[in-house]
């Protein structure tokens, strides 16, 4: 599969995780901690997706 499509799909899914986290986490945590945790989850999703793509999809 094209690496650009994979990168865009990881970015879109990470953005969806961020948006859901921003709305869902303040229900169970104080607002400050919830926003920080949402950003950490977003960074983990972006980093993990990039790491998996770079290891599984080598350019020839």
PDB file of N, CA and C in Angstrom:
ATOM      1  N   UNK A   1       0.845  -1.178   0.000  1.00  0.00           N
ATOM      2  CA  UNK A   1       0.000   0.000   0.000  1.00  0.00           C
ATOM      3  C   UNK A   1       0.888   1.238   0.000  1.00  0.00           C
ATOM      4  N   UNK A   2       0.392   2.308  -0.549  1.00  0.00           N
ATOM      5  CA  UNK A   2       1.141   3.552  -0.648  1.00  0.00           C
ATOM      6  C   UNK A   2       1.399   4.126   0.751  1.00  0.00           C
ATOM      7  N   UNK A   3       2.643   4.538   1.002  1.00  0.00           N
ATOM      8  CA  UNK A   3       2.986   5.033   2.334  1.00  0.00           C
ATOM      9  C   UNK A   3       2.283   6.346   2.657  1.00  0.00           C
ATOM     10  N   UNK A   4       1.969   7.147   1.647  1.00  0.00           N
ATOM     11  CA  UNK A   4       1.253   8.399   1.887  1.00  0.00           C
ATOM     12  C   UNK A   4      -0.152   8.110   2.405  1.00  0.00           C
ATOM     13  N   UNK A   5      -0.809   7.128   1.828  1.00  0.00           N
ATOM     14  CA  UNK A   5      -2.155   6.759   2.278  1.00  0.00           C
ATOM     15  C   UNK A   5      -2.104   6.235   3.712  1.00  0.00           C
ATOM     16  N   UNK A   6      -1.100   5.446   4.016  1.00  0.00           N
ATOM     17  CA  UNK A   6      -0.960   4.940   5.383  1.00  0.00           C
ATOM     18  C   UNK A   6      -0.708   6.071   6.370  1.00  0.00           C
ATOM     19  N   UNK A   7       0.159   7.022   6.009  1.00  0.00           N
ATOM     20  CA  UNK A   7       0.436   8.156   6.892  1.00  0.00           C
ATOM     21  C   UNK A   7      -0.807   9.002   7.138  1.00  0.00           C
ATOM     22  N   UNK A   8      -1.551   9.250   6.077  1.00  0.00           N
ATOM     23  CA  UNK A   8      -2.770  10.060   6.220  1.00  0.00           C
ATOM     24  C   UNK A   8      -3.801   9.331   7.067  1.00  0.00           C
ATOM     25  N   UNK A   9      -3.940   8.024   6.869  1.00  0.00           N
ATOM     26  CA  UNK A   9      -4.925   7.278   7.656  1.00  0.00           C
ATOM     27  C   UNK A   9      -4.540   7.250   9.137  1.00  0.00           C
ATOM     28  N   UNK A  10      -3.257   7.117   9.441  1.00  0.00           N
ATOM     29  CA  UNK A  10      -2.816   7.167  10.843  1.00  0.00           C
ATOM     30  C   UNK A  10      -3.079   8.543  11.432  1.00  0.00           C
ATOM     31  N   UNK A  11      -2.825   9.594  10.667  1.00  0.00           N
ATOM     32  CA  UNK A  11      -3.057  10.951  11.156  1.00  0.00           C
ATOM     33  C   UNK A  11      -4.542  11.206  11.413  1.00  0.00           C
ATOM     34  N   UNK A  12      -5.403  10.746  10.518  1.00  0.00           N
ATOM     35  CA  UNK A  12      -6.847  10.953  10.689  1.00  0.00           C
ATOM     36  C   UNK A  12      -7.354  10.170  11.904  1.00  0.00           C
ATOM     37  N   UNK A  13      -6.922   8.927  12.034  1.00  0.00           N
ATOM     38  CA  UNK A  13      -7.363   8.132  13.183  1.00  0.00           C
ATOM     39  C   UNK A  13      -6.832   8.706  14.498  1.00  0.00           C
ATOM     40  N   UNK A  14      -5.620   9.226  14.490  1.00  0.00           N
ATOM     41  CA  UNK A  14      -5.074   9.855  15.691  1.00  0.00           C
ATOM     42  C   UNK A  14      -5.845  11.116  16.049  1.00  0.00           C
ATOM     43  N   UNK A  15      -6.244  11.873  15.039  1.00  0.00           N
ATOM     44  CA  UNK A  15      -7.048  13.068  15.293  1.00  0.00           C
ATOM     45  C   UNK A  15      -8.407  12.701  15.870  1.00  0.00           C
ATOM     46  N   UNK A  16      -8.998  11.618  15.377  1.00  0.00           N
ATOM     47  CA  UNK A  16     -10.275  11.147  15.927  1.00  0.00           C
ATOM     48  C   UNK A  16     -10.103  10.733  17.389  1.00  0.00           C
ATOM     49  N   UNK A  17      -9.003  10.049  17.692  1.00  0.00           N
ATOM     50  CA  UNK A  17      -8.717   9.664  19.084  1.00  0.00           C
ATOM     51  C   UNK A  17      -8.576  10.907  19.954  1.00  0.00           C
ATOM     52  N   UNK A  18      -7.898  11.941  19.436  1.00  0.00           N
ATOM     53  CA  UNK A  18      -7.735  13.182  20.195  1.00  0.00           C
ATOM     54  C   UNK A  18      -9.081  13.846  20.474  1.00  0.00           C
ATOM     55  N   UNK A  19      -9.921  13.947  19.469  1.00  0.00           N
ATOM     56  CA  UNK A  19     -11.217  14.607  19.644  1.00  0.00           C
ATOM     57  C   UNK A  19     -12.089  13.847  20.635  1.00  0.00           C
ATOM     58  N   UNK A  20     -12.131  12.526  20.498  1.00  0.00           N
ATOM     59  CA  UNK A  20     -12.930  11.720  21.431  1.00  0.00           C
ATOM     60  C   UNK A  20     -12.374  11.846  22.847  1.00  0.00           C
ATOM     61  N   UNK A  21     -11.054  11.835  22.970  1.00  0.00           N
ATOM     62  CA  UNK A  21     -10.440  11.942  24.287  1.00  0.00           C
ATOM     63  C   UNK A  21     -10.721  13.292  24.937  1.00  0.00           C
ATOM     64  N   UNK A  22     -10.687  14.354  24.144  1.00  0.00           N
ATOM     65  CA  UNK A  22     -10.938  15.692  24.701  1.00  0.00           C
ATOM     66  C   UNK A  22     -12.363  15.795  25.247  1.00  0.00           C
ATOM     67  N   UNK A  23     -13.307  15.136  24.601  1.00  0.00           N
ATOM     68  CA  UNK A  23     -14.680  15.197  25.085  1.00  0.00           C
ATOM     69  C   UNK A  23     -14.987  14.163  26.168  1.00  0.00           C
ATOM     70  N   UNK A  24     -14.337  13.011  26.133  1.00  0.00           N
ATOM     71  CA  UNK A  24     -14.687  11.934  27.063  1.00  0.00           C
ATOM     72  C   UNK A  24     -13.908  11.996  28.377  1.00  0.00           C
ATOM     73  N   UNK A  25     -12.646  12.352  28.322  1.00  0.00           N
ATOM     74  CA  UNK A  25     -11.832  12.286  29.533  1.00  0.00           C
ATOM     75  C   UNK A  25     -12.206  13.301  30.617  1.00  0.00           C
ATOM     76  N   UNK A  26     -12.652  14.518  30.285  1.00  0.00           N
ATOM     77  CA  UNK A  26     -13.047  15.429  31.374  1.00  0.00           C
ATOM     78  C   UNK A  26     -14.234  14.940  32.206  1.00  0.00           C
ATOM     79  N   UNK A  27     -14.943  13.945  31.712  1.00  0.00           N
ATOM     80  CA  UNK A  27     -16.051  13.388  32.487  1.00  0.00           C
ATOM     81  C   UNK A  27     -15.519  12.611  33.687  1.00  0.00           C
ATOM     82  N   UNK A  28     -14.373  11.962  33.529  1.00  0.00           N
ATOM     83  CA  UNK A  28     -13.846  11.102  34.590  1.00  0.00           C
ATOM     84  C   UNK A  28     -12.617  11.683  35.293  1.00  0.00           C
ATOM     85  N   UNK A  29     -12.012  12.717  34.720  1.00  0.00           N
ATOM     86  CA  UNK A  29     -10.815  13.326  35.297  1.00  0.00           C
ATOM     87  C   UNK A  29     -10.995  14.831  35.385  1.00  0.00           C
ATOM     88  N   UNK A  30     -10.210  15.498  36.232  1.00  0.00           N
ATOM     89  CA  UNK A  30     -10.222  16.963  36.201  1.00  0.00           C
ATOM     90  C   UNK A  30      -9.765  17.470  34.829  1.00  0.00           C
ATOM     91  N   UNK A  31     -10.248  18.636  34.444  1.00  0.00           N
ATOM     92  CA  UNK A  31     -10.043  19.132  33.074  1.00  0.00           C
ATOM     93  C   UNK A  31      -8.573  19.228  32.683  1.00  0.00           C
ATOM     94  N   UNK A  32      -7.722  19.734  33.566  1.00  0.00           N
ATOM     95  CA  UNK A  32      -6.309  19.882  33.231  1.00  0.00           C
ATOM     96  C   UNK A  32      -5.637  18.552  32.933  1.00  0.00           C
ATOM     97  N   UNK A  33      -5.874  17.585  33.799  1.00  0.00           N
ATOM     98  CA  UNK A  33      -5.296  16.254  33.593  1.00  0.00           C
ATOM     99  C   UNK A  33      -5.881  15.567  32.349  1.00  0.00           C
ATOM    100  N   UNK A  34      -7.141  15.812  32.087  1.00  0.00           N
ATOM    101  CA  UNK A  34      -7.790  15.183  30.940  1.00  0.00           C
ATOM    102  C   UNK A  34      -7.189  15.681  29.633  1.00  0.00           C
ATOM    103  N   UNK A  35      -6.932  16.987  29.538  1.00  0.00           N
ATOM    104  CA  UNK A  35      -6.352  17.533  28.307  1.00  0.00           C
ATOM    105  C   UNK A  35      -4.930  17.020  28.112  1.00  0.00           C
ATOM    106  N   UNK A  36      -4.159  16.972  29.194  1.00  0.00           N
ATOM    107  CA  UNK A  36      -2.791  16.450  29.100  1.00  0.00           C
ATOM    108  C   UNK A  36      -2.814  14.988  28.683  1.00  0.00           C
ATOM    109  N   UNK A  37      -3.692  14.189  29.269  1.00  0.00           N
ATOM    110  CA  UNK A  37      -3.790  12.783  28.900  1.00  0.00           C
ATOM    111  C   UNK A  37      -4.255  12.614  27.458  1.00  0.00           C
ATOM    112  N   UNK A  38      -5.161  13.472  26.996  1.00  0.00           N
ATOM    113  CA  UNK A  38      -5.614  13.407  25.606  1.00  0.00           C
ATOM    114  C   UNK A  38      -4.457  13.701  24.655  1.00  0.00           C
ATOM    115  N   UNK A  39      -3.639  14.684  24.985  1.00  0.00           N
ATOM    116  CA  UNK A  39      -2.480  14.985  24.146  1.00  0.00           C
ATOM    117  C   UNK A  39      -1.462  13.851  24.158  1.00  0.00           C
ATOM    118  N   UNK A  40      -1.258  13.238  25.320  1.00  0.00           N
ATOM    119  CA  UNK A  40      -0.334  12.109  25.410  1.00  0.00           C
ATOM    120  C   UNK A  40      -0.846  10.937  24.576  1.00  0.00           C
ATOM    121  N   UNK A  41      -2.135  10.659  24.635  1.00  0.00           N
ATOM    122  CA  UNK A  41      -2.709   9.590  23.817  1.00  0.00           C
ATOM    123  C   UNK A  41      -2.554   9.883  22.324  1.00  0.00           C
ATOM    124  N   UNK A  42      -2.744  11.152  21.948  1.00  0.00           N
ATOM    125  CA  UNK A  42      -2.566  11.549  20.552  1.00  0.00           C
ATOM    126  C   UNK A  42      -1.124  11.328  20.103  1.00  0.00           C
ATOM    127  N   UNK A  43      -0.175  11.728  20.927  1.00  0.00           N
ATOM    128  CA  UNK A  43       1.242  11.553  20.586  1.00  0.00           C
ATOM    129  C   UNK A  43       1.596  10.077  20.492  1.00  0.00           C
ATOM    130  N   UNK A  44       1.064   9.273  21.402  1.00  0.00           N
ATOM    131  CA  UNK A  44       1.332   7.827  21.356  1.00  0.00           C
ATOM    132  C   UNK A  44       0.751   7.211  20.087  1.00  0.00           C
ATOM    133  N   UNK A  45      -0.460   7.613  19.706  1.00  0.00           N
ATOM    134  CA  UNK A  45      -1.068   7.085  18.477  1.00  0.00           C
ATOM    135  C   UNK A  45      -0.261   7.477  17.246  1.00  0.00           C
ATOM    136  N   UNK A  46       0.143   8.739  17.162  1.00  0.00           N
ATOM    137  CA  UNK A  46       0.926   9.193  16.015  1.00  0.00           C
ATOM    138  C   UNK A  46       2.284   8.503  15.965  1.00  0.00           C
ATOM    139  N   UNK A  47       2.947   8.416  17.110  1.00  0.00           N
ATOM    140  CA  UNK A  47       4.271   7.793  17.149  1.00  0.00           C
ATOM    141  C   UNK A  47       4.195   6.303  16.863  1.00  0.00           C
ATOM    142  N   UNK A  48       3.234   5.641  17.482  1.00  0.00           N
ATOM    143  CA  UNK A  48       3.079   4.204  17.265  1.00  0.00           C
ATOM    144  C   UNK A  48       2.739   3.880  15.827  1.00  0.00           C
ATOM    145  N   UNK A  49       1.845   4.648  15.238  1.00  0.00           N
ATOM    146  CA  UNK A  49       1.492   4.431  13.839  1.00  0.00           C
ATOM    147  C   UNK A  49       2.671   4.663  12.911  1.00  0.00           C
ATOM    148  N   UNK A  50       3.417   5.725  13.153  1.00  0.00           N
ATOM    149  CA  UNK A  50       4.596   5.998  12.335  1.00  0.00           C
ATOM    150  C   UNK A  50       5.660   4.934  12.483  1.00  0.00           C
ATOM    151  N   UNK A  51       5.834   4.464  13.707  1.00  0.00           N
ATOM    152  CA  UNK A  51       6.826   3.407  13.953  1.00  0.00           C
ATOM    153  C   UNK A  51       6.442   2.116  13.233  1.00  0.00           C
ATOM    154  N   UNK A  52       5.183   1.741  13.325  1.00  0.00           N
ATOM    155  CA  UNK A  52       4.723   0.507  12.670  1.00  0.00           C
ATOM    156  C   UNK A  52       4.820   0.640  11.148  1.00  0.00           C
ATOM    157  N   UNK A  53       4.436   1.797  10.616  1.00  0.00           N
ATOM    158  CA  UNK A  53       4.521   2.000   9.173  1.00  0.00           C
ATOM    159  C   UNK A  53       5.967   1.946   8.706  1.00  0.00           C
ATOM    160  N   UNK A  54       6.870   2.598   9.433  1.00  0.00           N
ATOM    161  CA  UNK A  54       8.267   2.625   8.992  1.00  0.00           C
ATOM    162  C   UNK A  54       8.923   1.250   9.099  1.00  0.00           C
ATOM    163  N   UNK A  55       8.509   0.425  10.043  1.00  0.00           N
ATOM    164  CA  UNK A  55       9.106  -0.911  10.176  1.00  0.00           C
ATOM    165  C   UNK A  55       8.486  -1.924   9.229  1.00  0.00           C
ATOM    166  N   UNK A  56       7.214  -1.795   8.926  1.00  0.00           N
ATOM    167  CA  UNK A  56       6.535  -2.783   8.086  1.00  0.00           C
ATOM    168  C   UNK A  56       6.530  -2.411   6.618  1.00  0.00           C
ATOM    169  N   UNK A  57       6.678  -1.136   6.306  1.00  0.00           N
ATOM    170  CA  UNK A  57       6.572  -0.692   4.921  1.00  0.00           C
ATOM    171  C   UNK A  57       7.880  -0.023   4.515  1.00  0.00           C
ATOM    172  N   UNK A  58       8.821  -0.829   4.062  1.00  0.00           N
ATOM    173  CA  UNK A  58      10.124  -0.325   3.623  1.00  0.00           C
ATOM    174  C   UNK A  58      10.019   0.107   2.163  1.00  0.00           C
ATOM    175  N   UNK A  59      10.691   1.205   1.853  1.00  0.00           N
ATOM    176  CA  UNK A  59      10.703   1.655   0.457  1.00  0.00           C
ATOM    177  C   UNK A  59      11.724   0.861  -0.323  1.00  0.00           C
ATOM    178  N   UNK A  60      11.347   0.486  -1.510  1.00  0.00           N
ATOM    179  CA  UNK A  60      12.244  -0.317  -2.336  1.00  0.00           C
ATOM    180  C   UNK A  60      13.043   0.556  -3.253  1.00  0.00           C
TER     181      UNK A  60
END
